[in-house]
């Protein structure tokens, strides 16, 4: 799932509102707006994403772990000891008018 324009941002904000806490919403937005492999995996280091969000790496990691447990994200593999993640495609399959061109990959 990748953000393409302002409609996508608004769709994600509505989709995550009142469901996720603010840190969780930020992590979802970061993954949706980051460069992704064809399967949706984000290859950017968690420490870089944490710095972008103004979070400490432990807070970012804990928040991502909460999102995995809640089904919003999933681990897609490893490069050495580094785990790779993507947004869970099943969470973004709905095709509402505002999110009509968002697409989940790899499902």
N, C-alpha and C. Protein backbone atom coordinates (compact mmCIF):
# COMPACT_ATOMS: atom_id res chain seq x y z
N UNK A 1 0.84 -1.16 0.00
CA UNK A 1 0.00 0.00 0.00
C UNK A 1 0.89 1.22 0.00
N UNK A 2 0.70 2.08 -0.95
CA UNK A 2 1.55 3.25 -1.06
C UNK A 2 0.70 4.50 -1.27
N UNK A 3 1.14 5.59 -0.65
CA UNK A 3 0.47 6.86 -0.82
C UNK A 3 0.88 7.48 -2.15
N UNK A 4 -0.11 7.93 -2.91
CA UNK A 4 0.14 8.58 -4.20
C UNK A 4 -0.23 10.05 -4.20
N UNK A 5 -1.22 10.44 -3.40
CA UNK A 5 -1.65 11.84 -3.40
C UNK A 5 -2.39 12.17 -2.11
N UNK A 6 -2.95 13.37 -2.03
CA UNK A 6 -3.61 13.83 -0.81
C UNK A 6 -4.85 12.99 -0.48
N UNK A 7 -5.54 12.49 -1.48
CA UNK A 7 -6.70 11.63 -1.21
C UNK A 7 -6.27 10.37 -0.46
N UNK A 8 -5.11 9.84 -0.81
CA UNK A 8 -4.61 8.65 -0.13
C UNK A 8 -4.27 8.96 1.33
N UNK A 9 -3.69 10.11 1.57
CA UNK A 9 -3.36 10.52 2.94
C UNK A 9 -4.65 10.62 3.75
N UNK A 10 -5.65 11.28 3.20
CA UNK A 10 -6.92 11.43 3.91
C UNK A 10 -7.59 10.09 4.14
N UNK A 11 -7.52 9.20 3.16
CA UNK A 11 -8.06 7.84 3.32
C UNK A 11 -7.39 7.14 4.49
N UNK A 12 -6.06 7.20 4.55
CA UNK A 12 -5.34 6.54 5.65
C UNK A 12 -5.69 7.16 7.00
N UNK A 13 -5.83 8.46 7.04
CA UNK A 13 -6.19 9.11 8.30
C UNK A 13 -7.58 8.67 8.76
N UNK A 14 -8.52 8.56 7.84
CA UNK A 14 -9.85 8.07 8.20
C UNK A 14 -9.81 6.60 8.61
N UNK A 15 -9.05 5.80 7.87
CA UNK A 15 -8.98 4.36 8.13
C UNK A 15 -8.36 4.07 9.50
N UNK A 16 -7.39 4.87 9.92
CA UNK A 16 -6.69 4.61 11.18
C UNK A 16 -7.24 5.42 12.35
N UNK A 17 -8.07 6.42 12.07
CA UNK A 17 -8.62 7.25 13.13
C UNK A 17 -9.48 6.46 14.10
N UNK A 18 -9.35 6.76 15.37
CA UNK A 18 -10.11 6.11 16.45
C UNK A 18 -9.87 4.61 16.54
N UNK A 19 -8.95 4.11 15.73
CA UNK A 19 -8.60 2.68 15.78
C UNK A 19 -7.18 2.53 16.31
N UNK A 20 -6.29 3.40 15.85
CA UNK A 20 -4.89 3.35 16.24
C UNK A 20 -4.53 4.58 17.06
N UNK A 21 -3.53 4.42 17.93
CA UNK A 21 -3.07 5.59 18.70
C UNK A 21 -2.18 6.46 17.80
N UNK A 22 -1.87 7.68 18.22
CA UNK A 22 -1.09 8.58 17.35
C UNK A 22 0.24 8.02 16.86
N UNK A 23 1.01 7.37 17.72
CA UNK A 23 2.28 6.80 17.27
C UNK A 23 2.06 5.71 16.22
N UNK A 24 1.04 4.89 16.41
CA UNK A 24 0.75 3.85 15.44
C UNK A 24 0.35 4.45 14.09
N UNK A 25 -0.43 5.50 14.14
CA UNK A 25 -0.85 6.16 12.89
C UNK A 25 0.36 6.74 12.16
N UNK A 26 1.30 7.31 12.90
CA UNK A 26 2.51 7.86 12.29
C UNK A 26 3.32 6.76 11.61
N UNK A 27 3.46 5.62 12.27
CA UNK A 27 4.22 4.51 11.68
C UNK A 27 3.53 4.00 10.42
N UNK A 28 2.22 3.88 10.43
CA UNK A 28 1.49 3.45 9.23
C UNK A 28 1.74 4.45 8.10
N UNK A 29 1.65 5.74 8.41
CA UNK A 29 1.87 6.77 7.38
C UNK A 29 3.30 6.71 6.83
N UNK A 30 4.27 6.48 7.71
CA UNK A 30 5.67 6.38 7.27
C UNK A 30 5.86 5.21 6.31
N UNK A 31 5.30 4.05 6.66
CA UNK A 31 5.46 2.89 5.78
C UNK A 31 4.71 3.11 4.47
N UNK A 32 3.54 3.73 4.51
CA UNK A 32 2.77 3.96 3.29
C UNK A 32 3.43 4.98 2.38
N UNK A 33 4.20 5.89 2.96
CA UNK A 33 4.82 6.95 2.16
C UNK A 33 6.27 6.66 1.79
N UNK A 34 6.81 5.55 2.26
CA UNK A 34 8.20 5.20 1.98
C UNK A 34 8.33 4.42 0.68
N UNK A 35 9.52 4.46 0.11
CA UNK A 35 9.81 3.66 -1.08
C UNK A 35 9.65 2.19 -0.72
N UNK A 36 9.00 1.44 -1.61
CA UNK A 36 8.69 0.04 -1.35
C UNK A 36 9.16 -0.85 -2.49
N UNK A 37 9.48 -2.09 -2.13
CA UNK A 37 9.72 -3.11 -3.15
C UNK A 37 8.37 -3.50 -3.75
N UNK A 38 8.36 -4.24 -4.86
CA UNK A 38 7.08 -4.62 -5.48
C UNK A 38 6.11 -5.34 -4.54
N UNK A 39 6.61 -6.05 -3.54
CA UNK A 39 5.71 -6.74 -2.61
C UNK A 39 5.26 -5.85 -1.45
N UNK A 40 5.69 -4.58 -1.44
CA UNK A 40 5.29 -3.66 -0.39
C UNK A 40 6.28 -3.53 0.74
N UNK A 41 7.34 -4.34 0.72
CA UNK A 41 8.34 -4.29 1.78
C UNK A 41 9.11 -2.97 1.74
N UNK A 42 9.27 -2.37 2.90
CA UNK A 42 10.05 -1.13 3.03
C UNK A 42 11.46 -1.51 3.47
N UNK A 43 12.44 -1.05 2.71
CA UNK A 43 13.83 -1.43 2.97
C UNK A 43 14.59 -0.38 3.79
N UNK A 44 13.94 0.66 4.24
CA UNK A 44 14.59 1.71 5.02
C UNK A 44 14.78 1.24 6.45
N UNK A 45 15.92 1.55 7.03
CA UNK A 45 16.21 1.15 8.40
C UNK A 45 15.22 1.78 9.37
N UNK A 46 14.86 1.01 10.38
CA UNK A 46 13.93 1.49 11.40
C UNK A 46 14.47 2.75 12.08
N UNK A 47 15.79 2.82 12.27
CA UNK A 47 16.37 4.00 12.93
C UNK A 47 16.15 5.26 12.08
N UNK A 48 16.20 5.12 10.76
CA UNK A 48 15.93 6.25 9.87
C UNK A 48 14.47 6.65 9.92
N UNK A 49 13.57 5.66 9.90
CA UNK A 49 12.15 5.96 10.00
C UNK A 49 11.82 6.60 11.34
N UNK A 50 12.44 6.09 12.41
CA UNK A 50 12.22 6.66 13.74
C UNK A 50 12.66 8.12 13.78
N UNK A 51 13.81 8.41 13.20
CA UNK A 51 14.31 9.79 13.17
C UNK A 51 13.37 10.69 12.39
N UNK A 52 12.85 10.20 11.28
CA UNK A 52 11.90 10.98 10.48
C UNK A 52 10.66 11.33 11.30
N UNK A 53 10.21 10.39 12.11
CA UNK A 53 9.00 10.59 12.91
C UNK A 53 9.27 11.33 14.22
N UNK A 54 10.55 11.53 14.55
CA UNK A 54 10.88 12.17 15.82
C UNK A 54 10.69 11.24 17.01
N UNK A 55 10.78 9.93 16.75
CA UNK A 55 10.65 8.91 17.80
C UNK A 55 12.03 8.35 18.11
N UNK A 56 12.18 7.84 19.30
CA UNK A 56 13.40 7.09 19.59
C UNK A 56 13.26 5.72 18.94
N UNK A 57 14.36 5.08 18.58
CA UNK A 57 14.26 3.74 17.98
C UNK A 57 13.48 2.73 18.84
N UNK A 58 13.65 2.71 20.18
CA UNK A 58 12.85 1.76 20.96
C UNK A 58 11.34 2.02 20.88
N UNK A 59 10.94 3.29 20.87
CA UNK A 59 9.52 3.61 20.76
C UNK A 59 9.00 3.19 19.39
N UNK A 60 9.77 3.47 18.35
CA UNK A 60 9.38 3.07 16.99
C UNK A 60 9.23 1.55 16.91
N UNK A 61 10.21 0.83 17.42
CA UNK A 61 10.18 -0.63 17.38
C UNK A 61 8.98 -1.20 18.15
N UNK A 62 8.73 -0.66 19.32
CA UNK A 62 7.59 -1.11 20.13
C UNK A 62 6.28 -0.83 19.40
N UNK A 63 6.17 0.34 18.80
CA UNK A 63 4.96 0.70 18.07
C UNK A 63 4.75 -0.22 16.88
N UNK A 64 5.81 -0.50 16.15
CA UNK A 64 5.71 -1.41 15.01
C UNK A 64 5.30 -2.81 15.48
N UNK A 65 5.84 -3.25 16.59
CA UNK A 65 5.48 -4.56 17.15
C UNK A 65 3.99 -4.60 17.49
N UNK A 66 3.44 -3.51 18.02
CA UNK A 66 2.01 -3.42 18.33
C UNK A 66 1.19 -3.54 17.04
N UNK A 67 1.66 -2.88 15.98
CA UNK A 67 0.95 -2.93 14.70
C UNK A 67 0.98 -4.33 14.09
N UNK A 68 2.09 -5.03 14.25
CA UNK A 68 2.17 -6.41 13.78
C UNK A 68 1.17 -7.28 14.55
N UNK A 69 1.15 -7.13 15.87
CA UNK A 69 0.24 -7.91 16.70
C UNK A 69 -1.23 -7.63 16.37
N UNK A 70 -1.53 -6.39 15.97
CA UNK A 70 -2.90 -6.01 15.65
C UNK A 70 -3.28 -6.33 14.20
N UNK A 71 -2.31 -6.81 13.40
CA UNK A 71 -2.60 -7.20 12.02
C UNK A 71 -2.45 -6.08 11.00
N UNK A 72 -1.96 -4.91 11.39
CA UNK A 72 -1.79 -3.80 10.46
C UNK A 72 -0.49 -3.91 9.66
N UNK A 73 0.50 -4.61 10.20
CA UNK A 73 1.79 -4.78 9.53
C UNK A 73 2.18 -6.24 9.61
N UNK A 74 3.13 -6.62 8.76
CA UNK A 74 3.63 -7.99 8.80
C UNK A 74 5.11 -8.02 8.43
N UNK A 75 5.80 -8.98 9.04
CA UNK A 75 7.21 -9.18 8.71
C UNK A 75 7.28 -9.92 7.39
N UNK A 76 8.17 -9.47 6.51
CA UNK A 76 8.26 -10.09 5.18
C UNK A 76 9.57 -10.83 4.94
N UNK A 77 10.47 -10.78 5.89
CA UNK A 77 11.75 -11.47 5.73
C UNK A 77 12.83 -10.81 6.54
N UNK A 78 14.05 -11.19 6.20
CA UNK A 78 15.22 -10.66 6.91
C UNK A 78 16.37 -10.44 5.93
N UNK A 79 17.19 -9.47 6.27
CA UNK A 79 18.48 -9.28 5.61
C UNK A 79 19.48 -9.33 6.75
N UNK A 80 20.16 -10.46 6.87
CA UNK A 80 21.02 -10.67 8.03
C UNK A 80 20.17 -10.73 9.27
N UNK A 81 20.46 -9.89 10.24
CA UNK A 81 19.68 -9.88 11.47
C UNK A 81 18.58 -8.82 11.46
N UNK A 82 18.46 -8.10 10.36
CA UNK A 82 17.47 -7.02 10.26
C UNK A 82 16.16 -7.57 9.69
N UNK A 83 15.07 -7.38 10.44
CA UNK A 83 13.75 -7.80 9.97
C UNK A 83 13.18 -6.75 9.02
N UNK A 84 12.46 -7.22 8.01
CA UNK A 84 11.82 -6.35 7.03
C UNK A 84 10.30 -6.41 7.22
N UNK A 85 9.64 -5.27 7.00
CA UNK A 85 8.21 -5.18 7.23
C UNK A 85 7.50 -4.49 6.08
N UNK A 86 6.18 -4.71 6.02
CA UNK A 86 5.30 -4.00 5.11
C UNK A 86 3.95 -3.85 5.80
N UNK A 87 3.13 -2.96 5.27
CA UNK A 87 1.76 -2.86 5.74
C UNK A 87 1.02 -4.10 5.27
N UNK A 88 0.13 -4.62 6.10
CA UNK A 88 -0.61 -5.82 5.76
C UNK A 88 -1.61 -5.52 4.64
N UNK A 89 -1.49 -6.16 3.49
CA UNK A 89 -2.39 -5.87 2.37
C UNK A 89 -3.87 -6.02 2.72
N UNK A 90 -4.21 -6.98 3.55
CA UNK A 90 -5.61 -7.22 3.88
C UNK A 90 -6.27 -6.03 4.58
N UNK A 91 -5.48 -5.21 5.24
CA UNK A 91 -6.04 -4.05 5.95
C UNK A 91 -6.46 -2.94 5.00
N UNK A 92 -6.03 -3.00 3.75
CA UNK A 92 -6.27 -1.90 2.82
C UNK A 92 -6.94 -2.36 1.53
N UNK A 93 -7.70 -3.45 1.60
CA UNK A 93 -8.34 -3.98 0.40
C UNK A 93 -9.59 -3.23 0.01
N UNK A 94 -10.21 -2.52 0.95
CA UNK A 94 -11.44 -1.80 0.61
C UNK A 94 -11.13 -0.75 -0.45
N UNK A 95 -12.05 -0.54 -1.31
CA UNK A 95 -11.88 0.43 -2.39
C UNK A 95 -12.93 1.52 -2.27
N UNK A 96 -12.87 2.31 -1.22
CA UNK A 96 -13.81 3.41 -1.05
C UNK A 96 -13.50 4.48 -2.09
N UNK A 97 -14.43 5.39 -2.34
CA UNK A 97 -14.18 6.44 -3.33
C UNK A 97 -12.90 7.22 -3.06
N UNK A 98 -12.62 7.56 -1.81
CA UNK A 98 -11.41 8.33 -1.51
C UNK A 98 -10.15 7.50 -1.66
N UNK A 99 -10.25 6.19 -1.45
CA UNK A 99 -9.06 5.35 -1.56
C UNK A 99 -9.08 4.49 -2.79
N UNK A 100 -9.77 4.94 -3.82
CA UNK A 100 -10.02 4.10 -4.99
C UNK A 100 -8.76 3.63 -5.70
N UNK A 101 -7.68 4.39 -5.66
CA UNK A 101 -6.50 3.94 -6.38
C UNK A 101 -5.38 3.47 -5.46
N UNK A 102 -5.66 3.43 -4.14
CA UNK A 102 -4.69 2.77 -3.25
C UNK A 102 -4.73 1.29 -3.59
N UNK A 103 -3.62 0.66 -3.54
CA UNK A 103 -3.64 -0.77 -3.81
C UNK A 103 -2.68 -1.47 -2.87
N UNK A 104 -3.12 -2.63 -2.44
CA UNK A 104 -2.27 -3.48 -1.63
C UNK A 104 -1.47 -4.35 -2.57
N UNK A 105 -0.25 -4.62 -2.19
CA UNK A 105 0.60 -5.46 -3.04
C UNK A 105 0.93 -6.75 -2.32
N UNK A 106 1.21 -7.76 -3.07
CA UNK A 106 1.72 -9.01 -2.53
C UNK A 106 0.70 -9.91 -1.90
N UNK A 107 -0.59 -9.64 -2.03
CA UNK A 107 -1.55 -10.54 -1.40
C UNK A 107 -2.06 -11.57 -2.37
